Amino acid sequence: MKMKQIVFAFILLNIIFLQASYSQKYSTVDNIVLKYPKNFDSTEELAEKIEKDFNSDDEKARAIYSWIAFNIKYDYASFLNPPKTQSFSYRTEAEKQKKIREFNNNILQKAFKSKKAVCEGFTLLFQHLTSLVGIKSQVIKGDSKTRLAEIGRKNTSSNHAWNTVLIDKKWRLVDVTWGQGYYDSNKGKMVKDFDPAYFDTEPDYFFAKHFPESGSFSGQKLNKDDFLNGPLIYNKTISGDNKIIAPESGIIEVNNGDKITFVIKNISKSDPFYYVNKKNQPVRIVNSKEKRGTLEFQVTFDKTIGDYITFYLDTNSIVSFKVISK
């Protein structure tokens, strides 16, 4: 084996070992939190329990994420029929800030007691609990991208909220709303399904699905066009670290018969990897090449492919692209 290959193999094994240790540590935290009561008398009581059971800031933040995701359900009825916007008067800036704090506290306490919330309640409760255990976090408002029809839309809007949390002098990205479950369009209801993918999410993955109102993260400007026009990725894309190397755009413009090259990380030739055509039939990917942990393959775009193409690994959606005929 050549020296470069030995070095590469050594680095790869170390990365795998660190990822496994990281995952195992958080699984231990999650298993402890799973045994917590569903109800506490106060947020302070829950925070004291977390401080007693965990030492490091990342474990405490993860415990807060897990407890909220395990126990608070997304209130889809309130999402469909939001309460009327409340207004208040004030005479000074100090009075204004006090009333905002009181308003936000009412929202997070309602989420804590009723076990239901929309993203505002999730994020405010996360921020409140982290502050009680001495960890700094923020609520970030912005846009989200979750549907096929949103690939290539023209503008961003403010329709979602998430958190950043300061751990080991680094701001981490957290979306506990998405960590608690998802909306099943076939069943027409929310499904509780804990997902660890949205705790300390890698920024490249996170900002493929989120765009903050500020347009920046940790002092770095984000590209709005990348968010609007990029491919749609899914939870399993993040947990499987299936980075989309090519094409970079989520909009594929083709003539009938064109061949487009795709490159996706951490997929093997032996994996059950396919797309679904217009007749809802799975089409297995063939003639692919494996190179250093990535799968490179081509798809011929013809009339059997519809307005979107989604690739699946086993039964899990990995990435979707919008298809436009030239």
Protein backbone atom coordinates (compact mmCIF):
# COMPACT_ATOMS: atom_id res chain seq x y z
CA MET A 1 0.00 0.00 0.00
CA LYS A 2 1.35 3.43 -0.96
CA MET A 3 2.15 5.96 1.79
CA LYS A 4 -0.63 8.35 0.66
CA GLN A 5 -3.16 5.51 0.83
CA ILE A 6 -1.94 4.53 4.32
CA VAL A 7 -2.24 8.13 5.56
CA PHE A 8 -5.70 8.50 4.02
CA ALA A 9 -6.87 5.22 5.57
CA PHE A 10 -5.49 6.28 8.97
CA ILE A 11 -7.28 9.64 8.83
CA LEU A 12 -10.52 7.97 7.71
CA LEU A 13 -10.40 5.44 10.56
CA ASN A 14 -9.79 8.22 13.08
CA ILE A 15 -12.75 10.20 11.75
CA ILE A 16 -14.99 7.13 11.96
CA PHE A 17 -13.81 6.43 15.51
CA LEU A 18 -14.42 10.03 16.63
CA GLN A 19 -17.87 10.08 15.03
CA ALA A 20 -18.78 6.79 16.72
CA SER A 21 -17.56 8.09 20.12
CA TYR A 22 -19.48 11.35 19.59
CA SER A 23 -22.64 9.46 18.67
CA GLN A 24 -22.29 7.04 21.59
CA LYS A 25 -21.86 9.90 24.06
CA TYR A 26 -25.08 11.54 22.95
CA SER A 27 -26.93 8.22 22.90
CA THR A 28 -26.00 7.86 26.57
CA VAL A 29 -27.41 11.32 27.27
CA ASP A 30 -30.61 10.53 25.36
CA ASN A 31 -31.13 7.26 27.22
CA ILE A 32 -30.80 9.01 30.58
CA VAL A 33 -33.24 11.75 29.56
CA LEU A 34 -35.72 9.16 28.27
CA LYS A 35 -36.15 8.06 31.89
CA TYR A 36 -36.99 11.59 33.06
CA PRO A 37 -40.59 12.37 34.02
CA LYS A 38 -42.75 13.87 31.31
CA ASN A 39 -43.88 16.53 33.75
CA PHE A 40 -41.87 18.70 36.15
CA ASP A 41 -43.32 21.25 38.53
CA SER A 42 -41.19 23.99 37.00
CA THR A 43 -38.52 24.65 34.39
CA GLU A 44 -36.13 25.29 37.29
CA GLU A 45 -36.72 21.75 38.60
CA LEU A 46 -35.92 20.27 35.18
CA ALA A 47 -32.80 22.42 34.88
CA GLU A 48 -31.61 21.29 38.32
CA LYS A 49 -32.07 17.66 37.29
CA ILE A 50 -30.01 18.20 34.12
CA GLU A 51 -27.25 20.01 36.05
CA LYS A 52 -27.10 17.15 38.53
CA ASP A 53 -26.87 14.43 35.86
CA PHE A 54 -24.48 16.05 33.37
CA ASN A 55 -21.19 17.92 33.62
CA SER A 56 -20.25 19.40 30.25
CA ASP A 57 -22.11 22.15 28.40
CA ASP A 58 -22.62 20.00 25.31
CA GLU A 59 -24.19 17.20 27.35
CA LYS A 60 -26.47 19.66 29.17
CA ALA A 61 -27.52 21.31 25.90
CA ARG A 62 -28.15 17.89 24.35
CA ALA A 63 -30.21 16.83 27.39
CA ILE A 64 -32.37 19.95 26.98
CA TYR A 65 -32.77 19.26 23.26
CA SER A 66 -33.70 15.63 23.93
CA TRP A 67 -36.17 16.34 26.74
CA ILE A 68 -38.01 18.95 24.66
CA ALA A 69 -38.03 16.72 21.56
CA PHE A 70 -39.22 13.69 23.55
CA ASN A 71 -42.00 15.52 25.39
CA ILE A 72 -43.24 18.55 23.43
CA LYS A 73 -45.43 17.93 20.41
CA TYR A 74 -45.73 20.29 17.46
CA ASP A 75 -49.12 22.03 17.65
CA TYR A 76 -50.22 21.73 14.05
CA ALA A 77 -53.71 23.03 14.83
CA SER A 78 -52.21 26.30 16.10
CA PHE A 79 -49.99 26.46 13.03
CA LEU A 80 -53.07 26.26 10.81
CA ASN A 81 -55.05 28.70 12.95
CA PRO A 82 -52.56 31.00 14.69
CA PRO A 83 -53.81 33.19 17.54
CA LYS A 84 -54.33 36.87 16.86
CA THR A 85 -51.23 39.04 17.17
CA GLN A 86 -51.09 40.65 20.59
CA SER A 87 -50.06 44.28 20.97
CA PHE A 88 -48.99 46.29 23.99
CA SER A 89 -48.10 49.87 24.79
CA TYR A 90 -45.00 51.16 26.56
CA ARG A 91 -43.42 54.46 27.52
CA THR A 92 -39.74 53.58 27.72
CA GLU A 93 -37.37 51.10 26.11
CA ALA A 94 -36.91 49.38 29.47
CA GLU A 95 -40.68 48.93 29.79
CA LYS A 96 -40.83 47.57 26.22
CA GLN A 97 -38.12 44.97 26.91
CA LYS A 98 -39.80 43.95 30.16
CA LYS A 99 -43.11 43.34 28.39
CA ILE A 100 -41.38 41.36 25.63
CA ARG A 101 -39.73 39.16 28.28
CA GLU A 102 -43.09 38.62 29.99
CA PHE A 103 -44.75 37.80 26.66
CA ASN A 104 -42.01 35.30 25.73
CA ASN A 105 -42.10 33.74 29.20
CA ASN A 106 -45.84 33.13 28.82
CA ILE A 107 -45.21 31.34 25.52
CA LEU A 108 -42.44 29.07 26.84
CA GLN A 109 -44.27 28.27 30.06
CA LYS A 110 -47.37 27.34 28.07
CA ALA A 111 -45.26 25.00 25.93
CA PHE A 112 -43.67 23.49 29.04
CA LYS A 113 -47.01 22.83 30.75
CA SER A 114 -49.28 21.96 27.82
CA LYS A 115 -46.61 19.87 26.01
CA LYS A 116 -47.63 21.56 22.74
CA ALA A 117 -46.00 24.38 20.79
CA VAL A 118 -45.10 25.78 17.41
CA CYS A 119 -41.48 26.69 16.63
CA GLU A 120 -41.64 29.88 18.72
CA GLY A 121 -42.45 27.88 21.85
CA PHE A 122 -39.77 25.27 21.15
CA THR A 123 -37.04 27.84 20.63
CA LEU A 124 -37.97 30.05 23.59
CA LEU A 125 -38.14 27.02 25.91
CA PHE A 126 -34.74 25.80 24.70
CA GLN A 127 -33.23 29.26 25.25
CA HIS A 128 -34.79 29.53 28.71
CA LEU A 129 -33.59 26.10 29.88
CA THR A 130 -30.06 26.66 28.59
CA SER A 131 -29.91 29.96 30.48
CA LEU A 132 -30.96 28.16 33.69
CA VAL A 133 -27.97 25.80 33.37
CA GLY A 134 -25.59 28.65 32.55
CA ILE A 135 -25.35 28.22 28.77
CA LYS A 136 -25.83 31.07 26.32
CA SER A 137 -28.21 30.53 23.41
CA GLN A 138 -30.19 32.63 20.95
CA VAL A 139 -33.45 32.40 19.06
CA ILE A 140 -32.95 32.88 15.31
CA LYS A 141 -35.82 33.65 12.95
CA GLY A 142 -35.75 32.97 9.25
CA ASP A 143 -36.85 30.88 6.31
CA SER A 144 -37.10 27.11 5.96
CA LYS A 145 -37.09 24.81 2.93
CA THR A 146 -38.96 21.52 3.24
CA ARG A 147 -41.01 20.93 0.06
CA LEU A 148 -40.24 20.08 -3.56
CA ALA A 149 -42.12 23.17 -4.76
CA GLU A 150 -39.68 25.36 -2.81
CA ILE A 151 -36.70 24.43 -4.99
CA GLY A 152 -35.93 27.52 -7.05
CA ARG A 153 -38.46 29.89 -5.50
CA LYS A 154 -37.57 33.55 -5.84
CA ASN A 155 -37.62 35.00 -2.34
CA THR A 156 -37.09 34.12 1.30
CA SER A 157 -39.65 34.73 4.02
CA SER A 158 -39.68 34.51 7.80
CA ASN A 159 -41.65 31.36 8.57
CA HIS A 160 -39.55 29.43 11.08
CA ALA A 161 -37.30 29.77 14.13
CA TRP A 162 -34.38 27.80 15.56
CA ASN A 163 -31.55 28.24 18.07
CA THR A 164 -27.84 28.75 18.20
CA VAL A 165 -26.09 27.66 21.40
CA LEU A 166 -22.58 28.55 22.58
CA ILE A 167 -20.60 25.39 23.45
CA ASP A 168 -16.83 25.37 23.91
CA LYS A 169 -16.62 28.93 22.51
CA LYS A 170 -18.35 27.90 19.28
CA TRP A 171 -21.90 28.66 18.17
CA ARG A 172 -23.75 25.42 17.37
CA LEU A 173 -26.94 25.08 15.31
CA VAL A 174 -30.05 23.51 16.84
CA ASP A 175 -33.59 23.00 15.54
CA VAL A 176 -35.49 21.19 18.27
CA THR A 177 -38.81 21.74 16.44
CA TRP A 178 -37.63 19.48 13.65
CA GLY A 179 -35.95 17.19 16.17
CA GLN A 180 -39.30 16.19 17.69
CA GLY A 181 -40.92 14.84 14.54
CA TYR A 182 -42.41 15.68 11.16
CA TYR A 183 -45.63 16.30 9.28
CA ASP A 184 -46.87 13.24 7.38
CA SER A 185 -48.79 14.57 4.37
CA ASN A 186 -50.24 11.12 3.62
CA LYS A 187 -51.75 10.85 7.11
CA GLY A 188 -52.48 14.57 7.39
CA LYS A 189 -50.98 14.85 10.87
CA MET A 190 -47.78 15.35 12.85
CA VAL A 191 -45.74 12.25 13.69
CA LYS A 192 -43.59 12.15 16.84
CA ASP A 193 -40.21 10.80 15.75
CA PHE A 194 -37.12 11.91 17.66
CA ASP A 195 -34.32 12.89 15.29
CA PRO A 196 -30.85 13.79 16.61
CA ALA A 197 -29.82 15.26 13.24
CA TYR A 198 -30.82 18.78 14.25
CA PHE A 199 -28.58 19.09 17.29
CA ASP A 200 -25.18 20.62 16.47
CA THR A 201 -25.91 20.23 12.77
CA GLU A 202 -23.07 20.87 10.33
CA PRO A 203 -23.64 24.36 8.83
CA ASP A 204 -23.55 23.17 5.20
CA TYR A 205 -26.47 20.84 5.87
CA PHE A 206 -28.32 23.23 8.17
CA PHE A 207 -28.26 26.17 5.77
CA ALA A 208 -29.44 24.01 2.89
CA LYS A 209 -32.77 23.98 4.77
CA HIS A 210 -32.62 27.23 6.82
CA PHE A 211 -31.87 30.85 5.97
CA PRO A 212 -31.67 33.41 8.82
CA GLU A 213 -33.18 36.88 8.55
CA SER A 214 -29.71 38.33 9.16
CA GLY A 215 -28.29 36.43 6.18
CA SER A 216 -25.23 35.47 8.19
CA PHE A 217 -23.91 33.01 10.76
CA SER A 218 -20.94 33.57 13.10
CA GLY A 219 -19.91 36.63 11.11
CA GLN A 220 -19.97 34.78 7.78
CA LYS A 221 -22.37 35.95 5.06
CA LEU A 222 -24.58 33.19 3.67
CA ASN A 223 -25.54 32.84 0.01
CA LYS A 224 -29.28 33.29 -0.45
CA ASP A 225 -29.19 31.87 -4.00
CA ASP A 226 -27.57 28.68 -2.71
CA PHE A 227 -30.47 28.30 -0.27
CA LEU A 228 -33.21 29.12 -2.78
CA ASN A 229 -31.83 27.18 -5.74
CA GLY A 230 -30.00 24.32 -4.03
CA PRO A 231 -31.33 20.75 -4.01
CA LEU A 232 -33.75 19.68 -1.30
CA ILE A 233 -32.10 17.44 1.29
CA TYR A 234 -33.69 15.34 4.03
CA ASN A 235 -33.06 14.22 7.62
CA LYS A 236 -31.38 11.00 6.48
CA THR A 237 -29.06 13.02 4.25
CA ILE A 238 -27.73 14.71 7.38
CA SER A 239 -27.55 11.66 9.65
CA GLY A 240 -25.88 9.63 6.89
CA ASP A 241 -23.53 12.48 5.94
CA ASN A 242 -24.61 12.12 2.30
CA LYS A 243 -23.23 15.42 1.05
CA ILE A 244 -24.32 16.34 -2.49
CA ILE A 245 -21.11 17.08 -4.38
CA ALA A 246 -22.63 17.46 -7.88
CA PRO A 247 -24.64 19.00 -9.31
CA GLU A 248 -24.52 22.00 -6.98
CA SER A 249 -27.77 23.48 -8.26
CA GLY A 250 -31.11 21.97 -7.36
CA ILE A 251 -32.47 23.01 -10.77
CA ILE A 252 -31.51 20.71 -13.65
CA GLU A 253 -32.18 22.13 -17.13
CA VAL A 254 -32.08 19.36 -19.74
CA ASN A 255 -33.00 18.38 -23.25
CA ASN A 256 -34.56 14.97 -23.80
CA GLY A 257 -31.76 12.39 -23.73
CA ASP A 258 -29.23 14.49 -21.80
CA LYS A 259 -27.02 12.67 -19.33
CA ILE A 260 -26.36 14.42 -16.01
CA THR A 261 -23.58 13.39 -13.64
CA PHE A 262 -24.30 13.12 -9.91
CA VAL A 263 -21.79 12.70 -7.10
CA ILE A 264 -23.00 11.89 -3.55
CA LYS A 265 -20.92 11.16 -0.48
CA ASN A 266 -21.10 7.97 1.63
CA ILE A 267 -23.10 5.79 -0.75
CA SER A 268 -21.76 2.47 -2.01
CA LYS A 269 -22.35 0.66 -5.31
CA SER A 270 -23.80 -2.23 -3.33
CA ASP A 271 -26.40 -0.06 -1.57
CA PRO A 272 -30.07 -0.18 -2.67
CA PHE A 273 -29.91 3.24 -4.33
CA TYR A 274 -32.52 4.37 -6.87
CA TYR A 275 -34.90 7.07 -8.08
CA VAL A 276 -38.63 6.87 -8.81
CA ASN A 277 -39.99 7.66 -12.29
CA LYS A 278 -43.30 9.28 -13.29
CA LYS A 279 -45.10 5.95 -12.93
CA ASN A 280 -43.84 5.67 -9.35
CA GLN A 281 -41.54 2.82 -10.32
CA PRO A 282 -38.09 2.50 -8.73
CA VAL A 283 -35.18 2.76 -11.18
CA ARG A 284 -31.96 1.28 -9.80
CA ILE A 285 -28.74 3.25 -10.29
CA VAL A 286 -26.31 1.22 -12.42
CA ASN A 287 -22.88 1.76 -13.97
CA SER A 288 -21.79 3.86 -11.00
CA LYS A 289 -18.25 4.48 -9.78
CA GLU A 290 -16.96 4.61 -6.22
CA LYS A 291 -14.21 7.08 -5.43
CA ARG A 292 -12.96 7.78 -1.90
CA GLY A 293 -16.28 7.41 -0.17
CA THR A 294 -18.41 8.99 -2.93
CA LEU A 295 -20.66 7.49 -5.58
CA GLU A 296 -20.52 8.98 -9.08
CA PHE A 297 -23.24 8.05 -11.58
CA GLN A 298 -25.19 9.37 -14.55
CA VAL A 299 -28.91 9.60 -15.22
CA THR A 300 -30.36 9.95 -18.71
CA PHE A 301 -33.21 12.44 -18.60
CA ASP A 302 -36.08 11.37 -20.83
CA LYS A 303 -39.87 11.51 -20.77
CA THR A 304 -40.06 8.88 -18.02
CA ILE A 305 -38.75 11.44 -15.52
CA GLY A 306 -41.19 14.00 -14.17
CA ASP A 307 -40.86 17.57 -12.91
CA TYR A 308 -38.73 16.41 -9.97
CA ILE A 309 -36.29 13.59 -9.40
CA THR A 310 -35.72 12.21 -5.90
CA PHE A 311 -33.00 9.72 -5.01
CA TYR A 312 -33.57 7.10 -2.31
CA LEU A 313 -31.22 5.03 -0.18
CA ASP A 314 -33.16 1.98 1.03
CA THR A 315 -36.55 3.60 1.72
CA ASN A 316 -35.19 6.99 2.75
CA SER A 317 -35.26 10.12 0.60
CA ILE A 318 -31.76 11.55 0.22
CA VAL A 319 -32.04 14.43 -2.25
CA SER A 320 -34.47 15.98 -4.72
CA PHE A 321 -33.89 18.13 -7.80
CA LYS A 322 -36.26 20.18 -9.93
CA VAL A 323 -36.22 19.21 -13.62
CA ILE A 324 -36.81 21.83 -16.32
CA SER A 325 -37.00 20.95 -20.01
CA LYS A 326 -35.06 23.33 -22.24
